[in-house]
Amino acid sequence: MRIPLTKYGWPQVAVYPALLVVAMLAVALGGAGRTPPWAVITTEVVLAAVFVWALMFFRDPRRDAPADKSLFLAPADGKVTDIERMQQSDFLDGPALRIGIFLSIFNVHINRAPCNVRVEKIAYRKGRYLNAMNPLSAKVNESNTLTLARTDEPGGRLVVRQISGAIARRIVCEAKEGGELGQGQAFGMIKFGSRTELYVPAGEQIECLVRIGDTVKAGITPLVRYR
């Protein structure tokens, strides 16, 4: 049976809940007879909520990606915070369309390939930890940039950027240069709040399918379509 927790969460997915269970037992046993019952119950409820959240953060729901090869799917769950058409980007030659997605601590944090691709280059950069809602975080925060080449027609390059946030301190990426990823395939995650960006070549053949404020799901929601 498939366990709906991501492998990218180890060891936290085991250690954090275990520590919380120990804390809950300590409160229950240590507070008996010396602490008001309401205080013990309140503390237990708070710890239980944190326990459930710790497991939910590393959840790995099944995703069945659309088979339409003209689509670029969302590389992350979250809310679209910015859409920009750029005459020139630091990552693609020529005009580019950039879509930024903010992931709160309540979103699924697994990153997925927008389409069928070959991984050409992966560039990790140390940086700051600004709030991921701030577009400036894309320029100064810790990040991991994947330059990808479509393996379907029409070809071309695209970029997915994993960007840490104010809470996140760990970017996970198991993709390898020269390897291939299928449309909607998981390749990593960012732990505890973050930002993910998609860059695709801009032009008349590209149609943006989302607006700022839209909620998207990785490997399911189409962001862009080739006309």
C-alpha atoms as a PDB file:
ATOM      1  CA  MET A   1       0.000   0.000   0.000  1.00  0.00           C
ATOM      2  CA  ARG A   2       1.323   3.434  -0.922  1.00  0.00           C
ATOM      3  CA  ILE A   3       2.141   5.637   2.081  1.00  0.00           C
ATOM      4  CA  PRO A   4       1.135   9.236   1.202  1.00  0.00           C
ATOM      5  CA  LEU A   5       4.246  10.779   2.784  1.00  0.00           C
ATOM      6  CA  THR A   6       7.172  11.943   0.708  1.00  0.00           C
ATOM      7  CA  LYS A   7      10.600  10.328   0.910  1.00  0.00           C
ATOM      8  CA  TYR A   8      12.047  13.839   0.721  1.00  0.00           C
ATOM      9  CA  GLY A   9      10.834  14.404   4.285  1.00  0.00           C
ATOM     10  CA  TRP A  10      13.094  11.889   5.959  1.00  0.00           C
ATOM     11  CA  PRO A  11      14.316  12.118   8.664  1.00  0.00           C
ATOM     12  CA  GLN A  12      11.989  14.962   9.728  1.00  0.00           C
ATOM     13  CA  VAL A  13       8.852  12.980   8.957  1.00  0.00           C
ATOM     14  CA  ALA A  14       9.950  10.467  11.595  1.00  0.00           C
ATOM     15  CA  VAL A  15      11.864  12.622  14.080  1.00  0.00           C
ATOM     16  CA  TYR A  16       9.473  15.568  14.489  1.00  0.00           C
ATOM     17  CA  PRO A  17       6.317  13.512  15.177  1.00  0.00           C
ATOM     18  CA  ALA A  18       8.294  11.248  17.535  1.00  0.00           C
ATOM     19  CA  LEU A  19       9.515  14.254  19.541  1.00  0.00           C
ATOM     20  CA  LEU A  20       5.988  15.632  19.712  1.00  0.00           C
ATOM     21  CA  VAL A  21       4.627  12.308  20.997  1.00  0.00           C
ATOM     22  CA  VAL A  22       7.317  12.297  23.698  1.00  0.00           C
ATOM     23  CA  ALA A  23       6.404  15.875  24.611  1.00  0.00           C
ATOM     24  CA  MET A  24       2.709  14.994  24.804  1.00  0.00           C
ATOM     25  CA  LEU A  25       3.436  12.041  27.104  1.00  0.00           C
ATOM     26  CA  ALA A  26       5.679  14.194  29.267  1.00  0.00           C
ATOM     27  CA  VAL A  27       2.976  16.829  29.640  1.00  0.00           C
ATOM     28  CA  ALA A  28       0.306  14.219  30.425  1.00  0.00           C
ATOM     29  CA  LEU A  29       2.422  12.371  32.997  1.00  0.00           C
ATOM     30  CA  GLY A  30       4.285  15.297  34.502  1.00  0.00           C
ATOM     31  CA  GLY A  31       1.319  17.595  34.771  1.00  0.00           C
ATOM     32  CA  ALA A  32      -1.009  15.135  36.486  1.00  0.00           C
ATOM     33  CA  GLY A  33      -1.962  16.407  39.947  1.00  0.00           C
ATOM     34  CA  ARG A  34       0.289  19.481  39.768  1.00  0.00           C
ATOM     35  CA  THR A  35      -1.088  21.414  36.805  1.00  0.00           C
ATOM     36  CA  PRO A  36      -4.683  22.550  36.282  1.00  0.00           C
ATOM     37  CA  PRO A  37      -6.493  20.110  33.983  1.00  0.00           C
ATOM     38  CA  TRP A  38      -7.384  22.897  31.536  1.00  0.00           C
ATOM     39  CA  ALA A  39      -3.696  23.763  31.116  1.00  0.00           C
ATOM     40  CA  VAL A  40      -2.763  20.125  30.449  1.00  0.00           C
ATOM     41  CA  ILE A  41      -5.614  19.703  27.965  1.00  0.00           C
ATOM     42  CA  THR A  42      -4.763  22.962  26.162  1.00  0.00           C
ATOM     43  CA  THR A  43      -1.113  21.983  25.871  1.00  0.00           C
ATOM     44  CA  GLU A  44      -2.017  18.518  24.582  1.00  0.00           C
ATOM     45  CA  VAL A  45      -4.374  19.996  21.967  1.00  0.00           C
ATOM     46  CA  VAL A  46      -1.663  22.389  20.736  1.00  0.00           C
ATOM     47  CA  LEU A  47       0.931  19.603  20.545  1.00  0.00           C
ATOM     48  CA  ALA A  48      -1.543  17.332  18.751  1.00  0.00           C
ATOM     49  CA  ALA A  49      -2.239  20.072  16.185  1.00  0.00           C
ATOM     50  CA  VAL A  50       1.492  20.519  15.593  1.00  0.00           C
ATOM     51  CA  PHE A  51       1.852  16.731  15.291  1.00  0.00           C
ATOM     52  CA  VAL A  52      -0.849  16.566  12.592  1.00  0.00           C
ATOM     53  CA  TRP A  53       0.658  19.547  10.754  1.00  0.00           C
ATOM     54  CA  ALA A  54       4.164  17.988  10.825  1.00  0.00           C
ATOM     55  CA  LEU A  55       2.784  14.921   9.050  1.00  0.00           C
ATOM     56  CA  MET A  56       0.617  16.932   6.643  1.00  0.00           C
ATOM     57  CA  PHE A  57       3.531  19.119   5.576  1.00  0.00           C
ATOM     58  CA  PHE A  58       5.283  16.081   4.100  1.00  0.00           C
ATOM     59  CA  ARG A  59       2.167  14.638   2.490  1.00  0.00           C
ATOM     60  CA  ASP A  60       2.544  13.254  -1.009  1.00  0.00           C
ATOM     61  CA  PRO A  61      -0.879  13.015  -2.671  1.00  0.00           C
ATOM     62  CA  ARG A  62      -1.188  11.048  -5.877  1.00  0.00           C
ATOM     63  CA  ARG A  63      -1.205  13.277  -8.941  1.00  0.00           C
ATOM     64  CA  ASP A  64      -2.256  12.151 -12.425  1.00  0.00           C
ATOM     65  CA  ALA A  65      -0.899  14.707 -14.887  1.00  0.00           C
ATOM     66  CA  PRO A  66      -2.888  15.627 -18.024  1.00  0.00           C
ATOM     67  CA  ALA A  67      -1.572  13.904 -21.133  1.00  0.00           C
ATOM     68  CA  ASP A  68      -1.748  17.099 -23.241  1.00  0.00           C
ATOM     69  CA  LYS A  69       1.824  17.769 -24.421  1.00  0.00           C
ATOM     70  CA  SER A  70       1.056  21.378 -25.320  1.00  0.00           C
ATOM     71  CA  LEU A  71       0.789  22.309 -21.630  1.00  0.00           C
ATOM     72  CA  PHE A  72       3.233  23.566 -19.037  1.00  0.00           C
ATOM     73  CA  LEU A  73       1.879  22.374 -15.684  1.00  0.00           C
ATOM     74  CA  ALA A  74       2.381  24.068 -12.336  1.00  0.00           C
ATOM     75  CA  PRO A  75       5.718  23.006 -10.788  1.00  0.00           C
ATOM     76  CA  ALA A  76       4.355  23.621  -7.262  1.00  0.00           C
ATOM     77  CA  ASP A  77       1.192  23.908  -5.204  1.00  0.00           C
ATOM     78  CA  GLY A  78       0.294  27.375  -3.964  1.00  0.00           C
ATOM     79  CA  LYS A  79      -0.940  30.794  -5.069  1.00  0.00           C
ATOM     80  CA  VAL A  80       0.161  32.683  -8.175  1.00  0.00           C
ATOM     81  CA  THR A  81       1.655  35.920  -6.826  1.00  0.00           C
ATOM     82  CA  ASP A  82       3.203  37.452  -9.929  1.00  0.00           C
ATOM     83  CA  ILE A  83       3.152  37.091 -13.714  1.00  0.00           C
ATOM     84  CA  GLU A  84       5.687  39.011 -15.767  1.00  0.00           C
ATOM     85  CA  ARG A  85       6.541  39.195 -19.456  1.00  0.00           C
ATOM     86  CA  MET A  86      10.238  39.987 -19.656  1.00  0.00           C
ATOM     87  CA  GLN A  87      12.135  41.290 -22.651  1.00  0.00           C
ATOM     88  CA  GLN A  88      15.200  39.530 -21.302  1.00  0.00           C
ATOM     89  CA  SER A  89      15.727  37.194 -18.337  1.00  0.00           C
ATOM     90  CA  ASP A  90      18.838  35.936 -16.605  1.00  0.00           C
ATOM     91  CA  PHE A  91      17.914  32.354 -17.445  1.00  0.00           C
ATOM     92  CA  LEU A  92      16.561  32.247 -21.017  1.00  0.00           C
ATOM     93  CA  ASP A  93      17.702  33.914 -24.216  1.00  0.00           C
ATOM     94  CA  GLY A  94      15.153  36.372 -25.515  1.00  0.00           C
ATOM     95  CA  PRO A  95      11.708  37.338 -24.148  1.00  0.00           C
ATOM     96  CA  ALA A  96      10.363  35.175 -21.335  1.00  0.00           C
ATOM     97  CA  LEU A  97       7.175  34.689 -19.361  1.00  0.00           C
ATOM     98  CA  ARG A  98       7.778  34.317 -15.604  1.00  0.00           C
ATOM     99  CA  ILE A  99       5.141  32.935 -13.235  1.00  0.00           C
ATOM    100  CA  GLY A 100       5.806  33.027  -9.490  1.00  0.00           C
ATOM    101  CA  ILE A 101       4.041  30.691  -7.047  1.00  0.00           C
ATOM    102  CA  PHE A 102       4.045  31.192  -3.266  1.00  0.00           C
ATOM    103  CA  LEU A 103       3.827  28.063  -1.096  1.00  0.00           C
ATOM    104  CA  SER A 104       2.499  28.576   2.429  1.00  0.00           C
ATOM    105  CA  ILE A 105       3.317  26.183   5.263  1.00  0.00           C
ATOM    106  CA  PHE A 106      -0.043  24.493   4.616  1.00  0.00           C
ATOM    107  CA  ASN A 107       0.588  23.647   0.950  1.00  0.00           C
ATOM    108  CA  VAL A 108       2.010  20.415  -0.430  1.00  0.00           C
ATOM    109  CA  HIS A 109       5.679  21.291  -0.974  1.00  0.00           C
ATOM    110  CA  ILE A 110       6.687  18.744  -3.618  1.00  0.00           C
ATOM    111  CA  ASN A 111       8.008  20.162  -6.905  1.00  0.00           C
ATOM    112  CA  ARG A 112       7.045  18.536 -10.210  1.00  0.00           C
ATOM    113  CA  ALA A 113       8.192  18.807 -13.837  1.00  0.00           C
ATOM    114  CA  PRO A 114       5.952  21.113 -15.932  1.00  0.00           C
ATOM    115  CA  CYS A 115       6.306  18.901 -19.031  1.00  0.00           C
ATOM    116  CA  ASN A 116       8.460  16.110 -20.461  1.00  0.00           C
ATOM    117  CA  VAL A 117      12.011  17.427 -20.186  1.00  0.00           C
ATOM    118  CA  ARG A 118      15.704  16.659 -20.148  1.00  0.00           C
ATOM    119  CA  VAL A 119      17.691  18.314 -17.357  1.00  0.00           C
ATOM    120  CA  GLU A 120      20.450  20.394 -18.920  1.00  0.00           C
ATOM    121  CA  LYS A 121      21.829  22.266 -15.919  1.00  0.00           C
ATOM    122  CA  ILE A 122      21.255  22.607 -12.178  1.00  0.00           C
ATOM    123  CA  ALA A 123      22.663  25.642 -10.359  1.00  0.00           C
ATOM    124  CA  TYR A 124      22.413  25.956  -6.557  1.00  0.00           C
ATOM    125  CA  ARG A 125      23.010  29.355  -4.946  1.00  0.00           C
ATOM    126  CA  LYS A 126      23.314  30.242  -1.275  1.00  0.00           C
ATOM    127  CA  GLY A 127      21.448  33.340  -0.198  1.00  0.00           C
ATOM    128  CA  ARG A 128      19.164  35.108   2.240  1.00  0.00           C
ATOM    129  CA  TYR A 129      15.785  34.022   3.625  1.00  0.00           C
ATOM    130  CA  LEU A 130      13.335  36.824   2.881  1.00  0.00           C
ATOM    131  CA  ASN A 131       9.607  36.182   2.990  1.00  0.00           C
ATOM    132  CA  ALA A 132       8.783  34.214  -0.181  1.00  0.00           C
ATOM    133  CA  MET A 133       5.745  36.478  -0.804  1.00  0.00           C
ATOM    134  CA  ASN A 134       8.225  39.239  -1.633  1.00  0.00           C
ATOM    135  CA  PRO A 135       9.259  39.077  -5.336  1.00  0.00           C
ATOM    136  CA  LEU A 136      12.710  40.336  -4.257  1.00  0.00           C
ATOM    137  CA  SER A 137      13.247  36.944  -2.594  1.00  0.00           C
ATOM    138  CA  ALA A 138      13.687  35.456  -6.079  1.00  0.00           C
ATOM    139  CA  LYS A 139      16.831  37.553  -6.522  1.00  0.00           C
ATOM    140  CA  VAL A 140      18.503  37.278  -3.123  1.00  0.00           C
ATOM    141  CA  ASN A 141      17.272  34.088  -1.401  1.00  0.00           C
ATOM    142  CA  GLU A 142      18.785  30.631  -1.402  1.00  0.00           C
ATOM    143  CA  SER A 143      17.734  29.016  -4.670  1.00  0.00           C
ATOM    144  CA  ASN A 144      18.122  26.063  -7.002  1.00  0.00           C
ATOM    145  CA  THR A 145      17.701  26.729 -10.728  1.00  0.00           C
ATOM    146  CA  LEU A 146      16.939  23.906 -13.169  1.00  0.00           C
ATOM    147  CA  THR A 147      17.442  24.630 -16.863  1.00  0.00           C
ATOM    148  CA  LEU A 148      15.312  22.141 -18.796  1.00  0.00           C
ATOM    149  CA  ALA A 149      14.816  21.227 -22.454  1.00  0.00           C
ATOM    150  CA  ARG A 150      11.455  20.018 -23.733  1.00  0.00           C
ATOM    151  CA  THR A 151      11.600  16.543 -25.232  1.00  0.00           C
ATOM    152  CA  ASP A 152       8.298  17.025 -27.104  1.00  0.00           C
ATOM    153  CA  GLU A 153       7.575  19.314 -30.050  1.00  0.00           C
ATOM    154  CA  PRO A 154       7.837  22.202 -30.100  1.00  0.00           C
ATOM    155  CA  GLY A 155      11.159  22.002 -28.298  1.00  0.00           C
ATOM    156  CA  GLY A 156      12.932  24.774 -26.458  1.00  0.00           C
ATOM    157  CA  ARG A 157      14.232  25.573 -23.016  1.00  0.00           C
ATOM    158  CA  LEU A 158      12.382  26.423 -19.830  1.00  0.00           C
ATOM    159  CA  VAL A 159      13.479  27.055 -16.258  1.00  0.00           C
ATOM    160  CA  VAL A 160      12.094  26.002 -12.879  1.00  0.00           C
ATOM    161  CA  ARG A 161      13.496  27.751  -9.812  1.00  0.00           C
ATOM    162  CA  GLN A 162      13.172  26.440  -6.246  1.00  0.00           C
ATOM    163  CA  ILE A 163      13.503  29.428  -3.896  1.00  0.00           C
ATOM    164  CA  SER A 164      13.607  29.269  -0.101  1.00  0.00           C
ATOM    165  CA  GLY A 165      11.460  31.498   2.104  1.00  0.00           C
ATOM    166  CA  ALA A 166      11.660  33.083   5.550  1.00  0.00           C
ATOM    167  CA  ILE A 167      11.134  29.707   7.243  1.00  0.00           C
ATOM    168  CA  ALA A 168      12.567  27.303   4.663  1.00  0.00           C
ATOM    169  CA  ARG A 169      16.184  26.279   5.099  1.00  0.00           C
ATOM    170  CA  ARG A 170      16.392  23.167   2.961  1.00  0.00           C
ATOM    171  CA  ILE A 171      15.970  22.735  -0.779  1.00  0.00           C
ATOM    172  CA  VAL A 172      15.792  19.125  -1.962  1.00  0.00           C
ATOM    173  CA  CYS A 173      16.399  18.208  -5.605  1.00  0.00           C
ATOM    174  CA  GLU A 174      17.003  14.648  -6.779  1.00  0.00           C
ATOM    175  CA  ALA A 175      17.051  15.537 -10.493  1.00  0.00           C
ATOM    176  CA  LYS A 176      20.402  14.985 -12.197  1.00  0.00           C
ATOM    177  CA  GLU A 177      21.977  16.811 -15.119  1.00  0.00           C
ATOM    178  CA  GLY A 178      21.464  14.744 -18.262  1.00  0.00           C
ATOM    179  CA  GLY A 179      18.488  12.887 -16.776  1.00  0.00           C
ATOM    180  CA  GLU A 180      14.885  13.087 -17.938  1.00  0.00           C
ATOM    181  CA  LEU A 181      11.659  13.890 -16.105  1.00  0.00           C
ATOM    182  CA  GLY A 182       8.150  13.029 -17.200  1.00  0.00           C
ATOM    183  CA  GLN A 183       5.303  15.530 -17.219  1.00  0.00           C
ATOM    184  CA  GLY A 184       4.154  15.941 -13.604  1.00  0.00           C
ATOM    185  CA  GLN A 185       6.986  13.805 -12.176  1.00  0.00           C
ATOM    186  CA  ALA A 186       8.196  14.792  -8.690  1.00  0.00           C
ATOM    187  CA  PHE A 187      11.842  15.809  -8.475  1.00  0.00           C
ATOM    188  CA  GLY A 188      12.213  17.496  -5.074  1.00  0.00           C
ATOM    189  CA  MET A 189      10.720  19.822  -2.488  1.00  0.00           C
ATOM    190  CA  ILE A 190      11.380  22.920  -0.397  1.00  0.00           C
ATOM    191  CA  LYS A 191      10.845  22.456   3.314  1.00  0.00           C
ATOM    192  CA  PHE A 192       8.668  24.850   5.356  1.00  0.00           C
ATOM    193  CA  GLY A 193       7.366  27.704   3.203  1.00  0.00           C
ATOM    194  CA  SER A 194       8.883  28.776  -0.095  1.00  0.00           C
ATOM    195  CA  ARG A 195       8.515  30.040  -3.647  1.00  0.00           C
ATOM    196  CA  THR A 196       8.739  28.349  -7.053  1.00  0.00           C
ATOM    197  CA  GLU A 197       9.067  30.094 -10.409  1.00  0.00           C
ATOM    198  CA  LEU A 198       8.518  28.933 -13.967  1.00  0.00           C
ATOM    199  CA  TYR A 199      10.184  30.652 -16.929  1.00  0.00           C
ATOM    200  CA  VAL A 200       9.114  29.826 -20.489  1.00  0.00           C
ATOM    201  CA  PRO A 201       9.927  31.557 -23.802  1.00  0.00           C
ATOM    202  CA  ALA A 202       7.412  34.325 -24.513  1.00  0.00           C
ATOM    203  CA  GLY A 203       5.798  34.870 -27.891  1.00  0.00           C
ATOM    204  CA  GLU A 204       2.561  34.717 -29.834  1.00  0.00           C
ATOM    205  CA  GLN A 205       2.552  30.927 -29.604  1.00  0.00           C
ATOM    206  CA  ILE A 206       2.459  31.062 -25.769  1.00  0.00           C
ATOM    207  CA  GLU A 207      -0.840  31.522 -23.905  1.00  0.00           C
ATOM    208  CA  CYS A 208      -0.854  32.149 -20.143  1.00  0.00           C
ATOM    209  CA  LEU A 209      -3.777  30.289 -18.552  1.00  0.00           C
ATOM    210  CA  VAL A 210      -3.646  31.684 -14.987  1.00  0.00           C
ATOM    211  CA  ARG A 211      -4.022  35.023 -13.250  1.00  0.00           C
ATOM    212  CA  ILE A 212      -2.508  36.528 -10.113  1.00  0.00           C
ATOM    213  CA  GLY A 213      -4.362  35.150  -7.096  1.00  0.00           C
ATOM    214  CA  ASP A 214      -5.168  31.774  -8.674  1.00  0.00           C
ATOM    215  CA  THR A 215      -4.555  28.659  -6.601  1.00  0.00           C
ATOM    216  CA  VAL A 216      -2.653  25.944  -8.469  1.00  0.00           C
ATOM    217  CA  LYS A 217      -1.603  22.335  -7.901  1.00  0.00           C
ATOM    218  CA  ALA A 218       1.694  20.838  -9.007  1.00  0.00           C
ATOM    219  CA  GLY A 219       1.442  18.389 -11.870  1.00  0.00           C
ATOM    220  CA  ILE A 220      -2.254  19.144 -12.453  1.00  0.00           C
ATOM    221  CA  THR A 221      -2.969  22.830 -13.073  1.00  0.00           C
ATOM    222  CA  PRO A 222      -1.955  24.129 -16.538  1.00  0.00           C
ATOM    223  CA  LEU A 223      -0.086  27.438 -16.323  1.00  0.00           C
ATOM    224  CA  VAL A 224       0.804  27.917 -19.974  1.00  0.00           C
ATOM    225  CA  ARG A 225      -0.241  26.418 -23.305  1.00  0.00           C
ATOM    226  CA  TYR A 226       1.360  26.383 -26.731  1.00  0.00           C
ATOM    227  CA  ARG A 227      -1.313  27.669 -29.116  1.00  0.00           C
END
